[in-house]
Protein backbone atom coordinates (compact mmCIF):
# COMPACT_ATOMS: atom_id res chain seq x y z
CA MET A 1 52.60 90.36 -41.29
CA ASN A 2 51.02 93.07 -38.91
CA THR A 3 51.08 91.65 -35.48
CA ARG A 4 47.84 93.73 -34.74
CA PHE A 5 46.08 91.72 -36.85
CA ILE A 6 47.17 88.49 -34.89
CA GLU A 7 46.32 90.02 -31.61
CA ALA A 8 42.88 90.83 -32.69
CA PHE A 9 42.54 87.24 -34.02
CA LEU A 10 43.83 85.86 -30.68
CA GLN A 11 41.47 87.92 -28.76
CA ILE A 12 38.52 86.70 -30.73
CA ALA A 13 39.47 83.19 -30.34
CA ARG A 14 39.95 83.77 -26.45
CA LEU A 15 36.64 85.47 -25.76
CA LYS A 16 34.59 83.90 -28.66
CA SER A 17 33.20 87.04 -29.56
CA PHE A 18 34.02 89.90 -31.98
CA ARG A 19 32.42 92.40 -29.78
CA ALA A 20 34.28 91.68 -26.60
CA ALA A 21 37.37 91.30 -28.22
CA ALA A 22 36.95 94.91 -29.75
CA ASP A 23 36.23 96.06 -26.39
CA SER A 24 39.29 94.37 -24.88
CA LEU A 25 41.34 96.25 -27.45
CA HIS A 26 39.69 99.40 -27.23
CA LEU A 27 38.44 99.19 -31.03
CA THR A 28 35.11 99.40 -32.77
CA GLN A 29 33.78 96.14 -34.19
CA ALA A 30 34.33 97.52 -37.70
CA ALA A 31 37.94 97.80 -37.18
CA ILE A 32 38.38 94.55 -35.66
CA SER A 33 36.29 92.69 -38.43
CA SER A 34 38.91 94.84 -40.94
CA ARG A 35 41.67 93.43 -39.02
CA ILE A 36 40.42 89.87 -39.49
CA ALA A 37 39.52 90.47 -43.03
CA SER A 38 43.06 91.72 -43.74
CA LEU A 39 44.62 88.74 -42.01
CA GLU A 40 42.60 86.31 -43.80
CA GLU A 41 43.70 87.67 -47.20
CA GLU A 42 47.41 87.50 -45.97
CA VAL A 43 46.87 83.97 -44.85
CA GLY A 44 44.97 83.02 -47.86
CA ALA A 45 42.32 81.18 -45.91
CA LYS A 46 39.16 81.70 -43.73
CA LEU A 47 40.09 81.90 -40.26
CA ILE A 48 36.75 82.25 -38.32
CA GLU A 49 33.23 80.88 -39.07
CA ARG A 50 30.22 82.73 -37.53
CA ASP A 51 26.81 82.82 -37.58
CA SER A 52 23.90 84.70 -35.44
CA ARG A 53 24.72 82.33 -32.35
CA ASP A 54 28.14 80.72 -32.60
CA LEU A 55 31.72 81.62 -33.56
CA ARG A 56 34.18 78.80 -34.49
CA LEU A 57 37.73 78.54 -35.72
CA THR A 58 38.51 76.81 -39.02
CA ALA A 59 41.11 74.28 -39.39
CA ALA A 60 43.44 77.04 -40.64
CA GLY A 61 42.41 79.32 -37.57
CA ILE A 62 43.16 76.23 -35.08
CA ARG A 63 46.65 75.90 -36.83
CA LEU A 64 47.19 79.81 -36.54
CA LEU A 65 46.34 79.65 -32.77
CA GLU A 66 49.93 78.57 -31.70
CA TYR A 67 51.66 80.16 -34.41
CA GLY A 68 50.30 83.59 -33.43
CA GLU A 69 50.76 83.06 -29.71
CA GLN A 70 54.53 82.23 -30.78
CA MET A 71 54.67 85.26 -33.04
CA LEU A 72 53.45 87.82 -30.24
CA ALA A 73 55.66 86.41 -27.47
CA LEU A 74 58.65 86.87 -29.90
CA GLU A 75 57.68 90.43 -30.47
CA LYS A 76 57.18 91.14 -26.69
CA LYS A 77 60.62 89.78 -25.89
CA ILE A 78 61.89 91.89 -28.73
CA GLN A 79 60.30 95.14 -27.32
CA ARG A 80 61.55 94.26 -23.68
CA LEU A 81 65.29 94.12 -24.83
CA GLY A 82 65.75 97.71 -23.79
CA SER A 83 63.92 97.38 -20.33
CA VAL A 84 63.95 93.78 -19.24
CA SER A 85 66.99 91.66 -19.32
CA ASP A 86 68.09 88.22 -18.17
CA ASP A 87 69.61 89.80 -15.02
CA VAL A 88 66.18 91.01 -13.77
CA THR A 89 66.14 90.56 -9.86
CA GLY A 90 64.19 91.33 -6.90
CA LEU A 91 61.25 90.23 -5.05
CA VAL A 92 57.66 89.74 -6.98
CA ARG A 93 54.51 89.44 -4.94
CA ILE A 94 51.99 87.01 -6.59
CA GLY A 95 48.56 86.26 -5.32
CA ALA A 96 46.52 83.12 -6.97
CA VAL A 97 43.14 81.91 -6.22
CA ASP A 98 42.80 77.96 -5.62
CA SER A 99 41.58 76.99 -9.06
CA VAL A 100 44.87 78.67 -10.52
CA ILE A 101 46.65 76.62 -7.82
CA HIS A 102 45.25 73.42 -8.83
CA THR A 103 46.05 74.00 -12.39
CA TRP A 104 48.74 76.15 -14.31
CA LEU A 105 50.44 77.72 -11.19
CA ILE A 106 53.49 75.31 -11.09
CA ASP A 107 54.04 75.34 -14.67
CA PHE A 108 54.15 79.20 -14.72
CA LEU A 109 56.59 79.37 -11.50
CA LYS A 110 58.89 76.81 -13.36
CA SER A 111 58.97 78.97 -16.47
CA LEU A 112 59.41 82.15 -14.43
CA GLN A 113 62.27 80.47 -12.63
CA THR A 114 63.95 79.61 -15.90
CA THR A 115 63.41 82.88 -17.64
CA TYR A 116 64.20 85.19 -14.72
CA PRO A 117 66.29 83.13 -12.06
CA GLY A 118 67.08 86.36 -10.24
CA ILE A 119 63.44 86.87 -9.19
CA THR A 120 62.30 85.89 -5.68
CA ILE A 121 58.82 84.95 -5.35
CA GLN A 122 56.16 85.64 -2.34
CA LEU A 123 53.06 83.74 -3.07
CA THR A 124 49.89 84.31 -1.56
CA SER A 125 46.78 82.05 -1.74
CA GLU A 126 43.53 84.38 -1.69
CA SER A 127 39.88 84.47 -3.05
CA THR A 128 39.31 86.44 -6.21
CA ALA A 129 38.03 89.65 -4.27
CA SER A 130 41.09 89.64 -1.87
CA VAL A 131 43.71 89.29 -4.71
CA GLN A 132 41.93 91.92 -6.83
CA ARG A 133 41.98 94.33 -3.93
CA MET A 134 45.47 93.69 -2.97
CA VAL A 135 46.64 94.70 -6.54
CA LYS A 136 44.73 97.95 -6.30
CA GLU A 137 46.10 98.70 -2.81
CA GLY A 138 49.70 97.71 -4.01
CA SER A 139 50.34 95.05 -1.61
CA LEU A 140 50.39 92.49 -4.39
CA ASP A 141 52.12 93.04 -7.88
CA ILE A 142 50.39 90.32 -9.78
CA ALA A 143 47.06 88.49 -9.10
CA LEU A 144 46.28 85.20 -10.98
CA HIS A 145 42.36 84.90 -10.71
CA ALA A 146 39.13 84.57 -12.67
CA HIS A 147 37.61 87.95 -13.23
CA THR A 148 38.73 91.39 -14.61
CA VAL A 149 39.77 93.71 -11.98
CA ASP A 150 37.47 96.61 -11.90
CA GLY A 151 38.24 100.35 -11.76
CA GLU A 152 41.00 102.38 -12.65
CA GLY A 153 44.73 101.64 -11.54
CA SER A 154 45.19 98.05 -12.77
CA THR A 155 45.53 96.02 -15.97
CA SER A 156 43.92 92.89 -16.67
CA ILE A 157 45.15 90.15 -19.47
CA ALA A 158 42.35 87.55 -20.67
CA CYS A 159 43.88 84.10 -20.75
CA LEU A 160 42.13 81.10 -22.30
CA PRO A 161 39.27 79.83 -20.26
CA ILE A 162 38.60 76.29 -18.88
CA ALA A 163 35.36 74.50 -18.38
CA LEU A 164 33.05 74.61 -15.54
CA GLY A 165 31.25 71.09 -14.59
CA TRP A 166 29.35 69.18 -12.02
CA ILE A 167 30.96 66.48 -9.76
CA CYS A 168 29.43 64.00 -7.65
CA GLN A 169 30.13 61.00 -5.57
CA PRO A 170 30.92 57.98 -7.73
CA GLY A 171 27.75 55.94 -8.36
CA THR A 172 25.47 58.94 -8.90
CA SER A 173 22.96 58.54 -11.66
CA ALA A 174 24.19 60.08 -14.91
CA ASP A 175 20.83 60.10 -16.58
CA PRO A 176 21.05 63.72 -18.04
CA LYS A 177 17.12 63.82 -17.98
CA ASN A 178 16.26 66.81 -15.73
CA ALA A 179 19.55 66.41 -14.21
CA LEU A 180 19.88 70.01 -13.41
CA GLU A 181 16.69 69.81 -11.54
CA ARG A 182 17.75 66.78 -9.41
CA ILE A 183 21.04 68.46 -8.59
CA LEU A 184 19.71 71.66 -7.45
CA SER A 185 16.93 70.08 -5.48
CA ALA A 186 19.57 68.91 -3.01
CA PRO A 187 22.45 70.40 -1.16
CA VAL A 188 25.20 71.43 -3.55
CA ILE A 189 28.79 72.58 -2.92
CA THR A 190 30.80 75.32 -4.84
CA MET A 191 33.70 77.86 -4.14
CA GLY A 192 33.87 80.89 -1.99
CA ARG A 193 30.98 83.41 -2.18
CA GLY A 194 31.69 85.74 -5.05
CA SER A 195 33.76 83.33 -7.12
CA HIS A 196 32.72 82.70 -10.58
CA PRO A 197 31.33 79.24 -9.95
CA ASP A 198 29.31 80.71 -7.38
CA HIS A 199 27.97 83.19 -9.75
CA VAL A 200 26.85 80.62 -12.16
CA LEU A 201 25.26 78.68 -9.34
CA GLY A 202 22.89 81.60 -8.56
CA GLU A 203 22.25 82.00 -12.42
CA LEU A 204 21.32 78.21 -12.64
CA TYR A 205 18.92 78.54 -9.73
CA ARG A 206 17.22 81.34 -11.33
CA ARG A 207 17.02 79.56 -14.83
CA VAL A 208 15.22 76.55 -13.18
CA GLY A 209 12.83 78.59 -10.78
CA LEU A 210 14.21 76.78 -7.76
CA ALA A 211 15.03 78.07 -4.32
CA PRO A 212 18.38 76.71 -2.85
CA VAL A 213 17.95 73.83 -0.54
CA LYS A 214 21.64 74.29 1.08
CA ILE A 215 24.84 75.61 -0.50
CA HIS A 216 28.12 74.62 0.88
CA ARG A 217 30.64 77.49 -0.22
CA VAL A 218 34.11 76.45 0.38
CA SER A 219 37.28 78.08 -0.74
CA SER A 220 39.44 74.84 -0.74
CA ILE A 221 39.15 72.70 -3.62
CA ALA A 222 40.76 69.76 -1.43
CA ALA A 223 38.10 70.22 0.94
CA ILE A 224 35.41 70.18 -1.79
CA LEU A 225 36.90 67.00 -2.94
CA GLN A 226 36.38 65.30 0.37
CA LEU A 227 32.97 66.70 0.81
CA VAL A 228 31.73 65.48 -2.57
CA ALA A 229 33.26 61.98 -2.13
CA ALA A 230 31.69 61.62 1.07
CA GLY A 231 28.36 62.40 -0.23
CA PHE A 232 27.62 65.95 1.25
CA GLY A 233 26.39 66.93 -2.32
CA CYS A 234 27.53 67.72 -5.92
CA ALA A 235 30.04 70.61 -6.51
CA LEU A 236 30.04 73.04 -9.40
CA LEU A 237 33.74 73.96 -9.98
CA PRO A 238 36.27 74.00 -12.82
CA LEU A 239 36.80 70.36 -13.79
CA ALA A 240 40.69 70.99 -14.71
CA ALA A 241 41.17 71.88 -10.95
CA VAL A 242 39.96 68.33 -10.09
CA ARG A 243 41.31 66.33 -13.12
CA PRO A 244 43.46 63.84 -10.97
CA ALA A 245 40.38 63.23 -8.72
CA ILE A 246 38.16 62.77 -11.67
CA GLU A 247 40.80 60.39 -13.54
CA SER A 248 41.33 58.16 -10.41
CA GLY A 249 37.61 57.92 -9.56
CA GLN A 250 37.83 59.47 -6.57
CA VAL A 251 34.70 61.60 -7.74
CA GLN A 252 32.32 61.54 -10.90
CA VAL A 253 31.73 64.09 -13.73
CA ILE A 254 27.79 64.55 -13.99
CA ASP A 255 26.16 65.96 -17.27
CA CYS A 256 23.58 68.33 -16.10
CA GLY A 257 21.75 68.55 -19.42
CA ILE A 258 22.83 72.02 -20.43
CA ALA A 259 26.03 73.90 -21.46
CA LEU A 260 27.69 75.72 -18.66
CA PRO A 261 29.42 78.92 -18.84
CA SER A 262 33.51 78.62 -18.99
CA GLN A 263 35.57 79.72 -16.19
CA PRO A 264 37.53 82.70 -17.22
CA LEU A 265 41.08 83.04 -16.22
CA MET A 266 42.95 86.34 -15.71
CA VAL A 267 46.41 87.82 -14.97
CA SER A 268 46.18 91.26 -13.30
CA TYR A 269 48.84 93.86 -12.25
CA SER A 270 49.11 97.54 -11.08
CA ALA A 271 48.83 100.16 -13.97
CA ALA A 272 51.86 101.70 -12.46
CA ASN A 273 53.97 98.52 -13.55
CA GLU A 274 52.81 98.89 -17.25
CA VAL A 275 56.59 98.99 -18.43
CA GLY A 276 59.14 96.61 -16.39
CA LYS A 277 59.68 93.35 -15.06
CA ILE A 278 55.84 93.22 -13.56
CA ARG A 279 54.26 93.58 -16.89
CA ALA A 280 56.77 91.13 -18.41
CA ILE A 281 56.07 88.46 -15.73
CA ALA A 282 52.34 89.08 -16.06
CA GLU A 283 52.53 88.47 -19.68
CA LEU A 284 54.71 85.24 -19.02
CA ALA A 285 52.03 84.11 -16.80
CA CYS A 286 49.24 84.30 -19.42
CA GLN A 287 51.37 82.61 -22.03
CA GLU A 288 51.85 79.57 -19.44
CA CYS A 289 48.26 79.60 -18.59
CA ASP A 290 47.37 79.52 -22.30
CA ARG A 291 49.82 76.90 -23.08
CA PHE A 292 48.46 74.63 -20.17
CA VAL A 293 44.69 74.98 -21.40
CA ARG A 294 45.61 74.23 -25.11
CA ALA A 295 46.99 70.91 -23.69
CA LEU A 296 43.92 69.72 -21.83
CA PRO A 297 41.65 67.02 -23.16
CA ALA A 298 38.45 68.34 -24.56
CA ARG A 299 36.20 67.86 -21.32
CA TYR A 300 38.28 70.17 -19.12
CA SER A 301 38.83 72.93 -21.50
CA VAL A 302 36.48 75.07 -23.94
CA LYS A 303 37.47 74.26 -27.41
């Protein structure tokens, strides 16, 4: 089975778009459609259903997700036999945004410790803009964040996304009728300026035609939880990052009445490290992110 066909299928499943997958793989849409058609012929089943507005995996496609990830991971291990070994050592500088720290970072670090025990980690917590800049400047080897790094000199791997949502103080009215307008007519809280939730929040204000009353931009998810629980406003952020607080009743999820864009997750590294241990560790990070997201309950992921 041609692994390029599997790679095309996985990118479509991640990005929910033939066009975006084609762009990420530097292919035409016709080429990527051809790969999917060939893969479906080999599998003997339809893998993707799509119409003018929607794209979804069939039952066979859902089963292929896990098998495909395993197949590509094994292929990459084989390819690295001559360049990356179990004796890999040295310092790796990793920068992570707060939403990664509160979700899949620990799973990744445990896997990294097991896979490459000779590696020493220097971990930095920064905003998306900061880790992107630090990768470009060479002061970070790997960035775990929420946007593709713009410009030349770096490589980004798209991981599976997670769900954005609104959380409020427990006891807040959950009536979805005009919920978004009610939320945006009061003070709101979101993550730091330039973050993905902050960008989505701006689009929501434009959509409903309201001017912001007050926006509290806070880079710390722990601080956001305290502000929400204390009644300073509802917050827009990735729900998986506050799952323990939701399930313990510290905060409450509110349905705003419309579908919200998902939170992308990215692993980036310098293009100068395209071959060697940094690339191998970046790929391991994306595998662990995808494994974490697939294990999430439906309300926290994009399925």
